[in-house]
Amino acid sequence: MRKRLALLAVATAAVTVVTAATSASADTRIIKGAYVYFDPTRNIFGVGDTEADGRTPYLDVRVNGGPLQTFPNHNGNGTWRDVRPDETGIRDGNSLAWRARVGGGAVSDWVYEQA
């Protein structure tokens, strides 16, 4: 029951962030063991862990066609982590290519959008 409540809280947080976003696309990718979302109102990503399977969820992202950046969430099942790629972050108008991935597991399709 506790695991279900933790998963429900994480999923609710992701939906809240996605529905609160009003500009750009605010897309989300949900795969077995992870979800990743982009919040265009703050130009950040969130990486959530949805399975107690010992696997780490990742965000893979390219900003303006630059090098692939990979961000893990090592915090465990039922948690999420906010991520800002690059030290300077994402600026409005940047082109983004991103996906959700689980180490040794599922991988989502790429999402292409403008910040």
PDB file of N, CA and C in Angstrom:
ATOM      1  N   MET A   1       0.831  -1.190   0.000  1.00  0.00           N
ATOM      2  CA  MET A   1       0.000   0.000   0.000  1.00  0.00           C
ATOM      3  C   MET A   1       0.874   1.252   0.000  1.00  0.00           C
ATOM      4  N   ARG A   2       1.951   1.236   0.775  1.00  0.00           N
ATOM      5  CA  ARG A   2       2.832   2.400   0.863  1.00  0.00           C
ATOM      6  C   ARG A   2       3.470   2.702  -0.491  1.00  0.00           C
ATOM      7  N   LYS A   3       3.871   1.643  -1.213  1.00  0.00           N
ATOM      8  CA  LYS A   3       4.465   1.830  -2.540  1.00  0.00           C
ATOM      9  C   LYS A   3       3.455   2.432  -3.505  1.00  0.00           C
ATOM     10  N   ARG A   4       2.221   1.983  -3.423  1.00  0.00           N
ATOM     11  CA  ARG A   4       1.182   2.524  -4.299  1.00  0.00           C
ATOM     12  C   ARG A   4       0.935   4.003  -4.017  1.00  0.00           C
ATOM     13  N   LEU A   5       0.928   4.374  -2.738  1.00  0.00           N
ATOM     14  CA  LEU A   5       0.738   5.779  -2.379  1.00  0.00           C
ATOM     15  C   LEU A   5       1.900   6.634  -2.862  1.00  0.00           C
ATOM     16  N   ALA A   6       3.123   6.118  -2.760  1.00  0.00           N
ATOM     17  CA  ALA A   6       4.297   6.858  -3.237  1.00  0.00           C
ATOM     18  C   ALA A   6       4.234   7.034  -4.746  1.00  0.00           C
ATOM     19  N   LEU A   7       3.865   5.987  -5.467  1.00  0.00           N
ATOM     20  CA  LEU A   7       3.742   6.062  -6.918  1.00  0.00           C
ATOM     21  C   LEU A   7       2.641   7.045  -7.308  1.00  0.00           C
ATOM     22  N   LEU A   8       1.529   7.018  -6.596  1.00  0.00           N
ATOM     23  CA  LEU A   8       0.435   7.941  -6.869  1.00  0.00           C
ATOM     24  C   LEU A   8       0.879   9.384  -6.632  1.00  0.00           C
ATOM     25  N   ALA A   9       1.636   9.623  -5.573  1.00  0.00           N
ATOM     26  CA  ALA A   9       2.128  10.982  -5.291  1.00  0.00           C
ATOM     27  C   ALA A   9       3.059  11.468  -6.383  1.00  0.00           C
ATOM     28  N   VAL A  10       3.951  10.613  -6.863  1.00  0.00           N
ATOM     29  CA  VAL A  10       4.880  10.991  -7.930  1.00  0.00           C
ATOM     30  C   VAL A  10       4.115  11.275  -9.214  1.00  0.00           C
ATOM     31  N   ALA A  11       3.190  10.411  -9.579  1.00  0.00           N
ATOM     32  CA  ALA A  11       2.396  10.613 -10.794  1.00  0.00           C
ATOM     33  C   ALA A  11       1.565  11.888 -10.700  1.00  0.00           C
ATOM     34  N   THR A  12       0.990  12.149  -9.537  1.00  0.00           N
ATOM     35  CA  THR A  12       0.194  13.367  -9.343  1.00  0.00           C
ATOM     36  C   THR A  12       1.069  14.606  -9.491  1.00  0.00           C
ATOM     37  N   ALA A  13       2.277  14.575  -8.949  1.00  0.00           N
ATOM     38  CA  ALA A  13       3.199  15.711  -9.082  1.00  0.00           C
ATOM     39  C   ALA A  13       3.536  15.964 -10.542  1.00  0.00           C
ATOM     40  N   ALA A  14       3.774  14.914 -11.309  1.00  0.00           N
ATOM     41  CA  ALA A  14       4.097  15.068 -12.736  1.00  0.00           C
ATOM     42  C   ALA A  14       2.924  15.669 -13.487  1.00  0.00           C
ATOM     43  N   VAL A  15       1.722  15.202 -13.213  1.00  0.00           N
ATOM     44  CA  VAL A  15       0.535  15.733 -13.885  1.00  0.00           C
ATOM     45  C   VAL A  15       0.328  17.187 -13.500  1.00  0.00           C
ATOM     46  N   THR A  16       0.548  17.527 -12.242  1.00  0.00           N
ATOM     47  CA  THR A  16       0.390  18.910 -11.791  1.00  0.00           C
ATOM     48  C   THR A  16       1.353  19.830 -12.519  1.00  0.00           C
ATOM     49  N   VAL A  17       2.602  19.435 -12.639  1.00  0.00           N
ATOM     50  CA  VAL A  17       3.587  20.261 -13.336  1.00  0.00           C
ATOM     51  C   VAL A  17       3.206  20.418 -14.798  1.00  0.00           C
ATOM     52  N   VAL A  18       2.822  19.320 -15.435  1.00  0.00           N
ATOM     53  CA  VAL A  18       2.496  19.372 -16.855  1.00  0.00           C
ATOM     54  C   VAL A  18       1.255  20.221 -17.102  1.00  0.00           C
ATOM     55  N   THR A  19       0.239  20.107 -16.279  1.00  0.00           N
ATOM     56  CA  THR A  19      -0.976  20.880 -16.515  1.00  0.00           C
ATOM     57  C   THR A  19      -0.803  22.336 -16.119  1.00  0.00           C
ATOM     58  N   ALA A  20       0.142  22.636 -15.224  1.00  0.00           N
ATOM     59  CA  ALA A  20       0.392  24.022 -14.834  1.00  0.00           C
ATOM     60  C   ALA A  20       1.174  24.781 -15.896  1.00  0.00           C
ATOM     61  N   ALA A  21       1.901  24.082 -16.735  1.00  0.00           N
ATOM     62  CA  ALA A  21       2.702  24.734 -17.768  1.00  0.00           C
ATOM     63  C   ALA A  21       1.794  25.285 -18.853  1.00  0.00           C
ATOM     64  N   THR A  22       2.075  26.520 -19.286  1.00  0.00           N
ATOM     65  CA  THR A  22       1.174  27.148 -20.234  1.00  0.00           C
ATOM     66  C   THR A  22       1.819  27.489 -21.568  1.00  0.00           C
ATOM     67  N   SER A  23       3.157  27.567 -21.656  1.00  0.00           N
ATOM     68  CA  SER A  23       3.791  27.862 -22.935  1.00  0.00           C
ATOM     69  C   SER A  23       4.549  26.635 -23.421  1.00  0.00           C
ATOM     70  N   ALA A  24       4.897  26.632 -24.706  1.00  0.00           N
ATOM     71  CA  ALA A  24       5.549  25.487 -25.336  1.00  0.00           C
ATOM     72  C   ALA A  24       4.671  24.252 -25.148  1.00  0.00           C
ATOM     73  N   SER A  25       5.266  23.053 -25.263  1.00  0.00           N
ATOM     74  CA  SER A  25       4.411  21.879 -25.300  1.00  0.00           C
ATOM     75  C   SER A  25       4.244  21.155 -23.969  1.00  0.00           C
ATOM     76  N   ALA A  26       5.167  21.333 -23.036  1.00  0.00           N
ATOM     77  CA  ALA A  26       5.065  20.655 -21.735  1.00  0.00           C
ATOM     78  C   ALA A  26       4.819  19.160 -21.900  1.00  0.00           C
ATOM     79  N   ASP A  27       5.644  18.525 -22.702  1.00  0.00           N
ATOM     80  CA  ASP A  27       5.457  17.109 -22.986  1.00  0.00           C
ATOM     81  C   ASP A  27       5.975  16.246 -21.844  1.00  0.00           C
ATOM     82  N   THR A  28       5.467  15.008 -21.775  1.00  0.00           N
ATOM     83  CA  THR A  28       5.868  14.035 -20.773  1.00  0.00           C
ATOM     84  C   THR A  28       6.081  12.699 -21.449  1.00  0.00           C
ATOM     85  N   ARG A  29       7.077  11.963 -21.001  1.00  0.00           N
ATOM     86  CA  ARG A  29       7.299  10.597 -21.459  1.00  0.00           C
ATOM     87  C   ARG A  29       7.250   9.702 -20.235  1.00  0.00           C
ATOM     88  N   ILE A  30       6.364   8.701 -20.278  1.00  0.00           N
ATOM     89  CA  ILE A  30       6.228   7.739 -19.196  1.00  0.00           C
ATOM     90  C   ILE A  30       6.541   6.366 -19.759  1.00  0.00           C
ATOM     91  N   ILE A  31       7.514   5.707 -19.143  1.00  0.00           N
ATOM     92  CA  ILE A  31       7.902   4.358 -19.539  1.00  0.00           C
ATOM     93  C   ILE A  31       7.985   3.509 -18.278  1.00  0.00           C
ATOM     94  N   LYS A  32       8.136   2.208 -18.431  1.00  0.00           N
ATOM     95  CA  LYS A  32       8.222   1.331 -17.264  1.00  0.00           C
ATOM     96  C   LYS A  32       9.442   1.718 -16.437  1.00  0.00           C
ATOM     97  N   GLY A  33       9.187   2.203 -15.237  1.00  0.00           N
ATOM     98  CA  GLY A  33      10.254   2.548 -14.318  1.00  0.00           C
ATOM     99  C   GLY A  33      10.617   4.017 -14.254  1.00  0.00           C
ATOM    100  N   ALA A  34      10.046   4.843 -15.166  1.00  0.00           N
ATOM    101  CA  ALA A  34      10.446   6.252 -15.164  1.00  0.00           C
ATOM    102  C   ALA A  34       9.419   7.136 -15.845  1.00  0.00           C
ATOM    103  N   TYR A  35       9.482   8.407 -15.493  1.00  0.00           N
ATOM    104  CA  TYR A  35       8.810   9.433 -16.276  1.00  0.00           C
ATOM    105  C   TYR A  35       9.738  10.634 -16.332  1.00  0.00           C
ATOM    106  N   VAL A  36       9.686  11.334 -17.447  1.00  0.00           N
ATOM    107  CA  VAL A  36      10.445  12.568 -17.622  1.00  0.00           C
ATOM    108  C   VAL A  36       9.481  13.591 -18.198  1.00  0.00           C
ATOM    109  N   TYR A  37       9.531  14.815 -17.686  1.00  0.00           N
ATOM    110  CA  TYR A  37       8.694  15.877 -18.218  1.00  0.00           C
ATOM    111  C   TYR A  37       9.520  17.139 -18.409  1.00  0.00           C
ATOM    112  N   PHE A  38       9.068  18.000 -19.305  1.00  0.00           N
ATOM    113  CA  PHE A  38       9.673  19.308 -19.513  1.00  0.00           C
ATOM    114  C   PHE A  38       8.670  20.361 -19.077  1.00  0.00           C
ATOM    115  N   ASP A  39       9.098  21.288 -18.231  1.00  0.00           N
ATOM    116  CA  ASP A  39       8.262  22.383 -17.760  1.00  0.00           C
ATOM    117  C   ASP A  39       8.721  23.668 -18.442  1.00  0.00           C
ATOM    118  N   PRO A  40       8.034  24.093 -19.507  1.00  0.00           N
ATOM    119  CA  PRO A  40       8.475  25.261 -20.262  1.00  0.00           C
ATOM    120  C   PRO A  40       8.309  26.579 -19.512  1.00  0.00           C
ATOM    121  N   THR A  41       7.520  26.612 -18.456  1.00  0.00           N
ATOM    122  CA  THR A  41       7.381  27.854 -17.700  1.00  0.00           C
ATOM    123  C   THR A  41       8.637  28.145 -16.881  1.00  0.00           C
ATOM    124  N   ARG A  42       9.385  27.093 -16.551  1.00  0.00           N
ATOM    125  CA  ARG A  42      10.630  27.263 -15.785  1.00  0.00           C
ATOM    126  C   ARG A  42      11.845  26.784 -16.574  1.00  0.00           C
ATOM    127  N   ASN A  43      11.626  26.246 -17.782  1.00  0.00           N
ATOM    128  CA  ASN A  43      12.702  25.710 -18.624  1.00  0.00           C
ATOM    129  C   ASN A  43      13.566  24.692 -17.876  1.00  0.00           C
ATOM    130  N   ILE A  44      12.894  23.756 -17.212  1.00  0.00           N
ATOM    131  CA  ILE A  44      13.590  22.662 -16.533  1.00  0.00           C
ATOM    132  C   ILE A  44      12.893  21.343 -16.843  1.00  0.00           C
ATOM    133  N   PHE A  45      13.600  20.268 -16.572  1.00  0.00           N
ATOM    134  CA  PHE A  45      13.064  18.919 -16.705  1.00  0.00           C
ATOM    135  C   PHE A  45      12.881  18.321 -15.325  1.00  0.00           C
ATOM    136  N   GLY A  46      12.021  17.302 -15.237  1.00  0.00           N
ATOM    137  CA  GLY A  46      11.884  16.486 -14.045  1.00  0.00           C
ATOM    138  C   GLY A  46      12.107  15.031 -14.430  1.00  0.00           C
ATOM    139  N   VAL A  47      12.791  14.290 -13.584  1.00  0.00           N
ATOM    140  CA  VAL A  47      13.069  12.871 -13.814  1.00  0.00           C
ATOM    141  C   VAL A  47      12.546  12.105 -12.608  1.00  0.00           C
ATOM    142  N   GLY A  48      11.591  11.214 -12.835  1.00  0.00           N
ATOM    143  CA  GLY A  48      10.986  10.452 -11.747  1.00  0.00           C
ATOM    144  C   GLY A  48      11.263   8.968 -11.842  1.00  0.00           C
ATOM    145  N   ASP A  49      11.346   8.325 -10.691  1.00  0.00           N
ATOM    146  CA  ASP A  49      11.542   6.878 -10.593  1.00  0.00           C
ATOM    147  C   ASP A  49      10.231   6.272 -10.113  1.00  0.00           C
ATOM    148  N   THR A  50       9.680   5.351 -10.893  1.00  0.00           N
ATOM    149  CA  THR A  50       8.361   4.796 -10.576  1.00  0.00           C
ATOM    150  C   THR A  50       8.362   3.307 -10.243  1.00  0.00           C
ATOM    151  N   GLU A  51       9.537   2.690 -10.183  1.00  0.00           N
ATOM    152  CA  GLU A  51       9.608   1.251  -9.897  1.00  0.00           C
ATOM    153  C   GLU A  51      10.686   0.973  -8.851  1.00  0.00           C
ATOM    154  N   ALA A  52      10.381   0.083  -7.922  1.00  0.00           N
ATOM    155  CA  ALA A  52      11.379  -0.369  -6.937  1.00  0.00           C
ATOM    156  C   ALA A  52      12.136  -1.557  -7.533  1.00  0.00           C
ATOM    157  N   ASP A  53      12.865  -1.285  -8.620  1.00  0.00           N
ATOM    158  CA  ASP A  53      13.541  -2.356  -9.355  1.00  0.00           C
ATOM    159  C   ASP A  53      15.064  -2.234  -9.328  1.00  0.00           C
ATOM    160  N   GLY A  54      15.587  -1.234  -8.626  1.00  0.00           N
ATOM    161  CA  GLY A  54      17.030  -1.046  -8.554  1.00  0.00           C
ATOM    162  C   GLY A  54      17.633  -0.412  -9.795  1.00  0.00           C
ATOM    163  N   ARG A  55      16.800  -0.055 -10.773  1.00  0.00           N
ATOM    164  CA  ARG A  55      17.298   0.574 -12.004  1.00  0.00           C
ATOM    165  C   ARG A  55      17.149   2.086 -11.905  1.00  0.00           C
ATOM    166  N   THR A  56      18.076   2.788 -12.500  1.00  0.00           N
ATOM    167  CA  THR A  56      18.086   4.245 -12.444  1.00  0.00           C
ATOM    168  C   THR A  56      17.393   4.841 -13.665  1.00  0.00           C
ATOM    169  N   PRO A  57      16.473   5.785 -13.463  1.00  0.00           N
ATOM    170  CA  PRO A  57      15.879   6.504 -14.593  1.00  0.00           C
ATOM    171  C   PRO A  57      16.786   7.663 -15.010  1.00  0.00           C
ATOM    172  N   TYR A  58      16.766   7.966 -16.318  1.00  0.00           N
ATOM    173  CA  TYR A  58      17.622   9.016 -16.866  1.00  0.00           C
ATOM    174  C   TYR A  58      16.833   9.938 -17.783  1.00  0.00           C
ATOM    175  N   LEU A  59      17.286  11.160 -17.880  1.00  0.00           N
ATOM    176  CA  LEU A  59      16.913  12.103 -18.928  1.00  0.00           C
ATOM    177  C   LEU A  59      18.105  12.193 -19.857  1.00  0.00           C
ATOM    178  N   ASP A  60      17.892  11.964 -21.151  1.00  0.00           N
ATOM    179  CA  ASP A  60      18.887  12.239 -22.186  1.00  0.00           C
ATOM    180  C   ASP A  60      18.395  13.470 -22.926  1.00  0.00           C
ATOM    181  N   VAL A  61      19.246  14.488 -23.096  1.00  0.00           N
ATOM    182  CA  VAL A  61      18.817  15.730 -23.739  1.00  0.00           C
ATOM    183  C   VAL A  61      19.952  16.350 -24.552  1.00  0.00           C
ATOM    184  N   ARG A  62      19.562  16.964 -25.660  1.00  0.00           N
ATOM    185  CA  ARG A  62      20.462  17.798 -26.462  1.00  0.00           C
ATOM    186  C   ARG A  62      19.815  19.175 -26.564  1.00  0.00           C
ATOM    187  N   VAL A  63      20.602  20.211 -26.291  1.00  0.00           N
ATOM    188  CA  VAL A  63      20.127  21.582 -26.400  1.00  0.00           C
ATOM    189  C   VAL A  63      20.793  22.200 -27.624  1.00  0.00           C
ATOM    190  N   ASN A  64      19.979  22.698 -28.560  1.00  0.00           N
ATOM    191  CA  ASN A  64      20.472  23.308 -29.800  1.00  0.00           C
ATOM    192  C   ASN A  64      21.417  22.394 -30.573  1.00  0.00           C
ATOM    193  N   GLY A  65      21.141  21.091 -30.579  1.00  0.00           N
ATOM    194  CA  GLY A  65      21.948  20.132 -31.329  1.00  0.00           C
ATOM    195  C   GLY A  65      23.315  19.876 -30.725  1.00  0.00           C
ATOM    196  N   GLY A  66      23.538  20.335 -29.513  1.00  0.00           N
ATOM    197  CA  GLY A  66      24.826  20.158 -28.842  1.00  0.00           C
ATOM    198  C   GLY A  66      25.037  18.732 -28.374  1.00  0.00           C
ATOM    199  N   PRO A  67      26.040  18.538 -27.538  1.00  0.00           N
ATOM    200  CA  PRO A  67      26.364  17.184 -27.072  1.00  0.00           C
ATOM    201  C   PRO A  67      25.245  16.593 -26.211  1.00  0.00           C
ATOM    202  N   LEU A  68      25.159  15.280 -26.249  1.00  0.00           N
ATOM    203  CA  LEU A  68      24.180  14.574 -25.430  1.00  0.00           C
ATOM    204  C   LEU A  68      24.541  14.754 -23.958  1.00  0.00           C
ATOM    205  N   GLN A  69      23.552  15.183 -23.188  1.00  0.00           N
ATOM    206  CA  GLN A  69      23.710  15.306 -21.743  1.00  0.00           C
ATOM    207  C   GLN A  69      22.784  14.290 -21.096  1.00  0.00           C
ATOM    208  N   THR A  70      23.270  13.589 -20.093  1.00  0.00           N
ATOM    209  CA  THR A  70      22.497  12.556 -19.410  1.00  0.00           C
ATOM    210  C   THR A  70      22.421  12.886 -17.926  1.00  0.00           C
ATOM    211  N   PHE A  71      21.188  12.856 -17.393  1.00  0.00           N
ATOM    212  CA  PHE A  71      20.956  13.197 -15.992  1.00  0.00           C
ATOM    213  C   PHE A  71      20.199  12.055 -15.315  1.00  0.00           C
ATOM    214  N   PRO A  72      20.790  11.439 -14.286  1.00  0.00           N
ATOM    215  CA  PRO A  72      20.128  10.356 -13.567  1.00  0.00           C
ATOM    216  C   PRO A  72      19.313  10.871 -12.392  1.00  0.00           C
ATOM    217  N   ASN A  73      18.401  10.027 -11.935  1.00  0.00           N
ATOM    218  CA  ASN A  73      17.742  10.234 -10.640  1.00  0.00           C
ATOM    219  C   ASN A  73      18.115   9.024  -9.791  1.00  0.00           C
ATOM    220  N   HIS A  74      19.090   9.199  -8.910  1.00  0.00           N
ATOM    221  CA  HIS A  74      19.556   8.115  -8.044  1.00  0.00           C
ATOM    222  C   HIS A  74      18.815   8.087  -6.703  1.00  0.00           C
ATOM    223  N   ASN A  75      17.732   8.849  -6.582  1.00  0.00           N
ATOM    224  CA  ASN A  75      17.052   8.981  -5.296  1.00  0.00           C
ATOM    225  C   ASN A  75      16.113   7.830  -4.954  1.00  0.00           C
ATOM    226  N   GLY A  76      15.840   6.939  -5.908  1.00  0.00           N
ATOM    227  CA  GLY A  76      15.032   5.765  -5.610  1.00  0.00           C
ATOM    228  C   GLY A  76      13.565   5.890  -5.966  1.00  0.00           C
ATOM    229  N   ASN A  77      12.875   4.779  -5.826  1.00  0.00           N
ATOM    230  CA  ASN A  77      11.464   4.662  -6.181  1.00  0.00           C
ATOM    231  C   ASN A  77      10.610   5.712  -5.485  1.00  0.00           C
ATOM    232  N   GLY A  78       9.700   6.315  -6.258  1.00  0.00           N
ATOM    233  CA  GLY A  78       8.768   7.286  -5.705  1.00  0.00           C
ATOM    234  C   GLY A  78       9.335   8.686  -5.598  1.00  0.00           C
ATOM    235  N   THR A  79      10.514   8.936  -6.170  1.00  0.00           N
ATOM    236  CA  THR A  79      11.133  10.267  -6.086  1.00  0.00           C
ATOM    237  C   THR A  79      11.260  10.877  -7.474  1.00  0.00           C
ATOM    238  N   TRP A  80      11.489  12.183  -7.506  1.00  0.00           N
ATOM    239  CA  TRP A  80      11.830  12.855  -8.749  1.00  0.00           C
ATOM    240  C   TRP A  80      12.896  13.883  -8.472  1.00  0.00           C
ATOM    241  N   ARG A  81      13.527  14.334  -9.540  1.00  0.00           N
ATOM    242  CA  ARG A  81      14.619  15.305  -9.458  1.00  0.00           C
ATOM    243  C   ARG A  81      14.418  16.339 -10.549  1.00  0.00           C
ATOM    244  N   ASP A  82      14.517  17.625 -10.205  1.00  0.00           N
ATOM    245  CA  ASP A  82      14.502  18.677 -11.213  1.00  0.00           C
ATOM    246  C   ASP A  82      15.891  18.803 -11.822  1.00  0.00           C
ATOM    247  N   VAL A  83      15.936  19.048 -13.140  1.00  0.00           N
ATOM    248  CA  VAL A  83      17.199  19.093 -13.873  1.00  0.00           C
ATOM    249  C   VAL A  83      17.232  20.319 -14.777  1.00  0.00           C
ATOM    250  N   ARG A  84      18.347  21.025 -14.750  1.00  0.00           N
ATOM    251  CA  ARG A  84      18.609  22.122 -15.677  1.00  0.00           C
ATOM    252  C   ARG A  84      19.849  21.762 -16.486  1.00  0.00           C
ATOM    253  N   PRO A  85      19.708  21.384 -17.763  1.00  0.00           N
ATOM    254  CA  PRO A  85      20.886  21.066 -18.575  1.00  0.00           C
ATOM    255  C   PRO A  85      21.820  22.263 -18.706  1.00  0.00           C
ATOM    256  N   ASP A  86      23.111  21.974 -18.810  1.00  0.00           N
ATOM    257  CA  ASP A  86      24.162  22.998 -18.920  1.00  0.00           C
ATOM    258  C   ASP A  86      24.180  23.872 -17.674  1.00  0.00           C
ATOM    259  N   GLU A  87      25.269  24.524 -17.462  1.00  0.00           N
ATOM    260  CA  GLU A  87      25.370  25.437 -16.323  1.00  0.00           C
ATOM    261  C   GLU A  87      24.501  26.671 -16.534  1.00  0.00           C
ATOM    262  N   THR A  88      24.310  27.066 -17.792  1.00  0.00           N
ATOM    263  CA  THR A  88      23.533  28.271 -18.079  1.00  0.00           C
ATOM    264  C   THR A  88      22.042  27.982 -18.167  1.00  0.00           C
ATOM    265  N   GLY A  89      21.661  26.711 -18.229  1.00  0.00           N
ATOM    266  CA  GLY A  89      20.252  26.359 -18.323  1.00  0.00           C
ATOM    267  C   GLY A  89      19.722  26.489 -19.743  1.00  0.00           C
ATOM    268  N   ILE A  90      18.429  26.353 -19.876  1.00  0.00           N
ATOM    269  CA  ILE A  90      17.749  26.438 -21.167  1.00  0.00           C
ATOM    270  C   ILE A  90      17.129  27.816 -21.281  1.00  0.00           C
ATOM    271  N   ARG A  91      17.289  28.420 -22.432  1.00  0.00           N
ATOM    272  CA  ARG A  91      16.699  29.731 -22.677  1.00  0.00           C
ATOM    273  C   ARG A  91      15.516  29.592 -23.631  1.00  0.00           C
ATOM    274  N   ASP A  92      14.562  30.510 -23.543  1.00  0.00           N
ATOM    275  CA  ASP A  92      13.439  30.517 -24.476  1.00  0.00           C
ATOM    276  C   ASP A  92      13.971  30.548 -25.900  1.00  0.00           C
ATOM    277  N   GLY A  93      13.386  29.729 -26.761  1.00  0.00           N
ATOM    278  CA  GLY A  93      13.795  29.657 -28.159  1.00  0.00           C
ATOM    279  C   GLY A  93      14.799  28.561 -28.463  1.00  0.00           C
ATOM    280  N   ASN A  94      15.421  27.957 -27.425  1.00  0.00           N
ATOM    281  CA  ASN A  94      16.352  26.855 -27.667  1.00  0.00           C
ATOM    282  C   ASN A  94      15.600  25.660 -28.239  1.00  0.00           C
ATOM    283  N   SER A  95      16.252  24.920 -29.141  1.00  0.00           N
ATOM    284  CA  SER A  95      15.659  23.676 -29.630  1.00  0.00           C
ATOM    285  C   SER A  95      16.118  22.539 -28.721  1.00  0.00           C
ATOM    286  N   LEU A  96      15.182  21.661 -28.402  1.00  0.00           N
ATOM    287  CA  LEU A  96      15.438  20.560 -27.486  1.00  0.00           C
ATOM    288  C   LEU A  96      15.111  19.231 -28.146  1.00  0.00           C
ATOM    289  N   ALA A  97      15.930  18.242 -27.869  1.00  0.00           N
ATOM    290  CA  ALA A  97      15.636  16.851 -28.209  1.00  0.00           C
ATOM    291  C   ALA A  97      15.880  16.079 -26.916  1.00  0.00           C
ATOM    292  N   TRP A  98      14.863  15.362 -26.429  1.00  0.00           N
ATOM    293  CA  TRP A  98      15.012  14.665 -25.158  1.00  0.00           C
ATOM    294  C   TRP A  98      14.197  13.385 -25.112  1.00  0.00           C
ATOM    295  N   ARG A  99      14.585  12.496 -24.185  1.00  0.00           N
ATOM    296  CA  ARG A  99      13.863  11.236 -23.998  1.00  0.00           C
ATOM    297  C   ARG A  99      14.065  10.734 -22.570  1.00  0.00           C
ATOM    298  N   ALA A 100      13.200   9.814 -22.182  1.00  0.00           N
ATOM    299  CA  ALA A 100      13.318   9.114 -20.900  1.00  0.00           C
ATOM    300  C   ALA A 100      13.976   7.770 -21.156  1.00  0.00           C
ATOM    301  N   ARG A 101      14.767   7.338 -20.182  1.00  0.00           N
ATOM    302  CA  ARG A 101      15.455   6.061 -20.319  1.00  0.00           C
ATOM    303  C   ARG A 101      15.648   5.462 -18.934  1.00  0.00           C
ATOM    304  N   VAL A 102      15.619   4.127 -18.852  1.00  0.00           N
ATOM    305  CA  VAL A 102      15.903   3.415 -17.608  1.00  0.00           C
ATOM    306  C   VAL A 102      17.126   2.548 -17.867  1.00  0.00           C
ATOM    307  N   GLY A 103      18.119   2.624 -16.969  1.00  0.00           N
ATOM    308  CA  GLY A 103      19.324   1.808 -17.134  1.00  0.00           C
ATOM    309  C   GLY A 103      18.983   0.335 -17.267  1.00  0.00           C
ATOM    310  N   GLY A 104      19.368  -0.273 -18.372  1.00  0.00           N
ATOM    311  CA  GLY A 104      19.088  -1.684 -18.614  1.00  0.00           C
ATOM    312  C   GLY A 104      17.628  -1.985 -18.880  1.00  0.00           C
ATOM    313  N   GLY A 105      16.842  -0.957 -19.220  1.00  0.00           N
ATOM    314  CA  GLY A 105      15.406  -1.175 -19.421  1.00  0.00           C
ATOM    315  C   GLY A 105      14.846  -0.368 -20.577  1.00  0.00           C
ATOM    316  N   ALA A 106      13.661   0.159 -20.377  1.00  0.00           N
ATOM    317  CA  ALA A 106      12.890   0.834 -21.422  1.00  0.00           C
ATOM    318  C   ALA A 106      13.534   2.164 -21.831  1.00  0.00           C
ATOM    319  N   VAL A 107      13.223   2.566 -23.074  1.00  0.00           N
ATOM    320  CA  VAL A 107      13.650   3.859 -23.618  1.00  0.00           C
ATOM    321  C   VAL A 107      12.458   4.444 -24.366  1.00  0.00           C
ATOM    322  N   SER A 108      12.174   5.733 -24.142  1.00  0.00           N
ATOM    323  CA  SER A 108      11.074   6.372 -24.843  1.00  0.00           C
ATOM    324  C   SER A 108      11.506   6.878 -26.213  1.00  0.00           C
ATOM    325  N   ASP A 109      10.542   7.290 -27.005  1.00  0.00           N
ATOM    326  CA  ASP A 109      10.834   8.002 -28.243  1.00  0.00           C
ATOM    327  C   ASP A 109      11.427   9.359 -27.901  1.00  0.00           C
ATOM    328  N   TRP A 110      12.138   9.964 -28.854  1.00  0.00           N
ATOM    329  CA  TRP A 110      12.660  11.317 -28.677  1.00  0.00           C
ATOM    330  C   TRP A 110      11.520  12.321 -28.804  1.00  0.00           C
ATOM    331  N   VAL A 111      11.603  13.387 -28.038  1.00  0.00           N
ATOM    332  CA  VAL A 111      10.678  14.505 -28.132  1.00  0.00           C
ATOM    333  C   VAL A 111      11.482  15.683 -28.688  1.00  0.00           C
ATOM    334  N   TYR A 112      10.940  16.351 -29.719  1.00  0.00           N
ATOM    335  CA  TYR A 112      11.600  17.514 -30.329  1.00  0.00           C
ATOM    336  C   TYR A 112      10.699  18.722 -30.120  1.00  0.00           C
ATOM    337  N   GLU A 113      11.243  19.767 -29.495  1.00  0.00           N
ATOM    338  CA  GLU A 113      10.430  20.944 -29.226  1.00  0.00           C
ATOM    339  C   GLU A 113      11.314  22.172 -29.023  1.00  0.00           C
ATOM    340  N   GLN A 114      10.657  23.315 -28.955  1.00  0.00           N
ATOM    341  CA  GLN A 114      11.326  24.589 -28.669  1.00  0.00           C
ATOM    342  C   GLN A 114      11.002  24.991 -27.239  1.00  0.00           C
ATOM    343  N   ALA A 115      11.999  25.514 -26.561  1.00  0.00           N
ATOM    344  CA  ALA A 115      11.799  25.998 -25.202  1.00  0.00           C
ATOM    345  C   ALA A 115      11.073  27.331 -25.249  1.00  0.00           C
TER     346      ALA A 115
END
